[in-house]
């Protein structure tokens, strides 16, 4: 039963997150006396990005290909471990503070490594900066 609740919780968190991001944009626009984007703009942006074809350099390795699924898997794992609908974590293994820190460090490391691996000088500088900041 806990695994079903954890998966449902992770799916709800991942599906609702763009809504709250859009809500924050709308509130920020109202505070600046602007009209701002629609609350659902992030969903439209995600749909447009998913429809684009993949563009990967021929010089890059497997790191650039596994980065997006790895980042999504780490985010989903952390969403499964947080106690959102219950008082305790449905997956206590994923709710441990050290596990959370290591999972975030893993995703940050692969993010920086994919920047360095992308065969672009500016992305390499950004990847090295990301490693120095972490």
Protein backbone atom coordinates (compact mmCIF):
# COMPACT_ATOMS: atom_id res chain seq x y z
CA UNK A 1 0.00 0.00 0.00
CA UNK A 2 2.85 2.39 0.77
CA UNK A 3 4.43 1.94 -2.65
CA UNK A 4 1.14 2.79 -4.37
CA UNK A 5 0.76 5.92 -2.23
CA UNK A 6 4.37 6.90 -2.93
CA UNK A 7 3.98 6.51 -6.70
CA UNK A 8 0.68 8.42 -6.68
CA UNK A 9 2.25 11.14 -4.56
CA UNK A 10 5.22 11.40 -6.92
CA UNK A 11 2.97 11.63 -9.98
CA UNK A 12 0.76 14.28 -8.38
CA UNK A 13 3.78 16.34 -7.34
CA UNK A 14 5.31 16.16 -10.82
CA UNK A 15 2.03 17.04 -12.55
CA UNK A 16 1.10 19.91 -10.22
CA UNK A 17 4.55 21.57 -10.06
CA UNK A 18 4.18 23.53 -13.35
CA UNK A 19 0.85 24.91 -12.11
CA UNK A 20 2.47 26.41 -9.02
CA UNK A 21 5.30 27.79 -11.11
CA UNK A 22 2.73 29.48 -13.36
CA UNK A 23 0.85 30.78 -10.34
CA UNK A 24 4.06 32.33 -9.00
CA UNK A 25 4.65 34.01 -12.37
CA UNK A 26 1.12 35.43 -12.39
CA UNK A 27 1.46 36.77 -8.84
CA UNK A 28 4.86 38.31 -9.67
CA UNK A 29 3.36 39.97 -12.76
CA UNK A 30 0.47 41.37 -10.72
CA UNK A 31 2.92 42.79 -8.18
CA UNK A 32 4.70 44.62 -11.04
CA UNK A 33 1.39 45.87 -12.47
CA UNK A 34 1.78 43.71 -15.59
CA UNK A 35 -0.60 41.28 -17.19
CA UNK A 36 1.83 38.37 -17.27
CA UNK A 37 1.50 34.89 -18.77
CA UNK A 38 -1.29 32.41 -18.27
CA UNK A 39 -1.15 30.05 -15.30
CA UNK A 40 -0.98 27.14 -17.74
CA UNK A 41 1.97 28.59 -19.74
CA UNK A 42 4.45 26.10 -18.25
CA UNK A 43 2.34 23.17 -19.44
CA UNK A 44 2.33 24.63 -22.98
CA UNK A 45 6.10 25.16 -22.81
CA UNK A 46 6.65 21.56 -21.71
CA UNK A 47 4.43 20.25 -24.51
CA UNK A 48 6.36 22.34 -27.05
CA UNK A 49 9.72 21.12 -25.72
CA UNK A 50 8.61 17.47 -25.80
CA UNK A 51 7.56 17.85 -29.44
CA UNK A 52 11.01 19.06 -30.53
CA UNK A 53 13.43 16.59 -32.05
CA UNK A 54 16.49 15.67 -30.04
CA UNK A 55 19.70 17.41 -31.08
CA UNK A 56 22.87 15.76 -29.79
CA UNK A 57 26.39 16.41 -30.98
CA UNK A 58 28.13 13.50 -32.64
CA UNK A 59 31.15 14.08 -30.39
CA UNK A 60 29.22 13.69 -27.13
CA UNK A 61 29.10 10.50 -25.09
CA UNK A 62 26.31 8.66 -23.29
CA UNK A 63 26.29 11.23 -20.46
CA UNK A 64 24.34 13.74 -22.53
CA UNK A 65 21.71 11.10 -23.33
CA UNK A 66 21.16 9.83 -19.79
CA UNK A 67 21.06 13.27 -18.14
CA UNK A 68 17.36 14.17 -18.73
CA UNK A 69 15.96 10.78 -17.61
CA UNK A 70 18.33 10.76 -14.63
CA UNK A 71 17.26 14.24 -13.57
CA UNK A 72 13.58 13.28 -13.91
CA UNK A 73 14.12 10.02 -11.99
CA UNK A 74 15.87 11.80 -9.11
CA UNK A 75 13.08 14.39 -8.93
CA UNK A 76 10.43 11.65 -8.98
CA UNK A 77 12.28 9.67 -6.30
CA UNK A 78 12.46 12.71 -4.03
CA UNK A 79 8.78 13.47 -4.61
CA UNK A 80 7.95 9.89 -3.62
CA UNK A 81 9.84 10.22 -0.34
CA UNK A 82 8.38 13.47 0.94
CA UNK A 83 5.44 13.21 3.34
CA UNK A 84 2.80 15.29 1.52
CA UNK A 85 -0.45 13.39 2.00
CA UNK A 86 0.43 11.54 5.20
CA UNK A 87 2.23 12.39 8.42
CA UNK A 88 5.07 9.98 7.66
CA UNK A 89 7.03 9.28 4.52
CA UNK A 90 5.50 6.53 2.36
CA UNK A 91 9.03 5.50 1.34
CA UNK A 92 11.25 6.14 4.38
CA UNK A 93 14.36 5.10 2.43
CA UNK A 94 13.89 8.08 0.06
CA UNK A 95 13.02 10.51 2.87
CA UNK A 96 16.36 10.23 4.66
CA UNK A 97 18.32 13.52 4.68
CA UNK A 98 21.57 11.92 3.56
CA UNK A 99 19.82 10.11 0.70
CA UNK A 100 18.25 13.39 -0.41
CA UNK A 101 21.62 15.18 -0.34
CA UNK A 102 23.34 12.41 -2.30
CA UNK A 103 20.54 12.25 -4.87
CA UNK A 104 20.71 16.01 -5.40
CA UNK A 105 24.50 15.85 -5.65
CA UNK A 106 24.24 13.03 -8.21
CA UNK A 107 21.87 15.00 -10.42
CA UNK A 108 23.98 18.16 -10.10
CA UNK A 109 27.15 16.24 -10.99
CA UNK A 110 25.61 14.73 -14.12
CA UNK A 111 24.15 18.12 -15.05
CA UNK A 112 27.60 19.70 -14.93
CA UNK A 113 29.19 16.71 -16.65
CA UNK A 114 26.72 16.90 -19.52
CA UNK A 115 27.57 20.58 -19.96
CA UNK A 116 31.26 19.74 -20.22
CA UNK A 117 30.51 16.77 -22.52
CA UNK A 118 28.35 18.73 -24.97
CA UNK A 119 31.33 19.84 -27.15
CA UNK A 120 30.43 23.50 -26.69
CA UNK A 121 32.91 25.86 -25.07
CA UNK A 122 30.26 27.98 -23.38
CA UNK A 123 28.43 24.94 -22.02
CA UNK A 124 31.77 23.65 -20.72
CA UNK A 125 32.35 26.90 -18.84
CA UNK A 126 28.85 26.65 -17.41
CA UNK A 127 29.40 23.05 -16.34
CA UNK A 128 32.65 23.90 -14.60
CA UNK A 129 31.00 26.87 -12.89
CA UNK A 130 28.19 24.59 -11.73
CA UNK A 131 30.73 22.21 -10.21
CA UNK A 132 32.53 25.05 -8.46
CA UNK A 133 29.26 26.42 -7.08
CA UNK A 134 28.26 23.06 -5.70
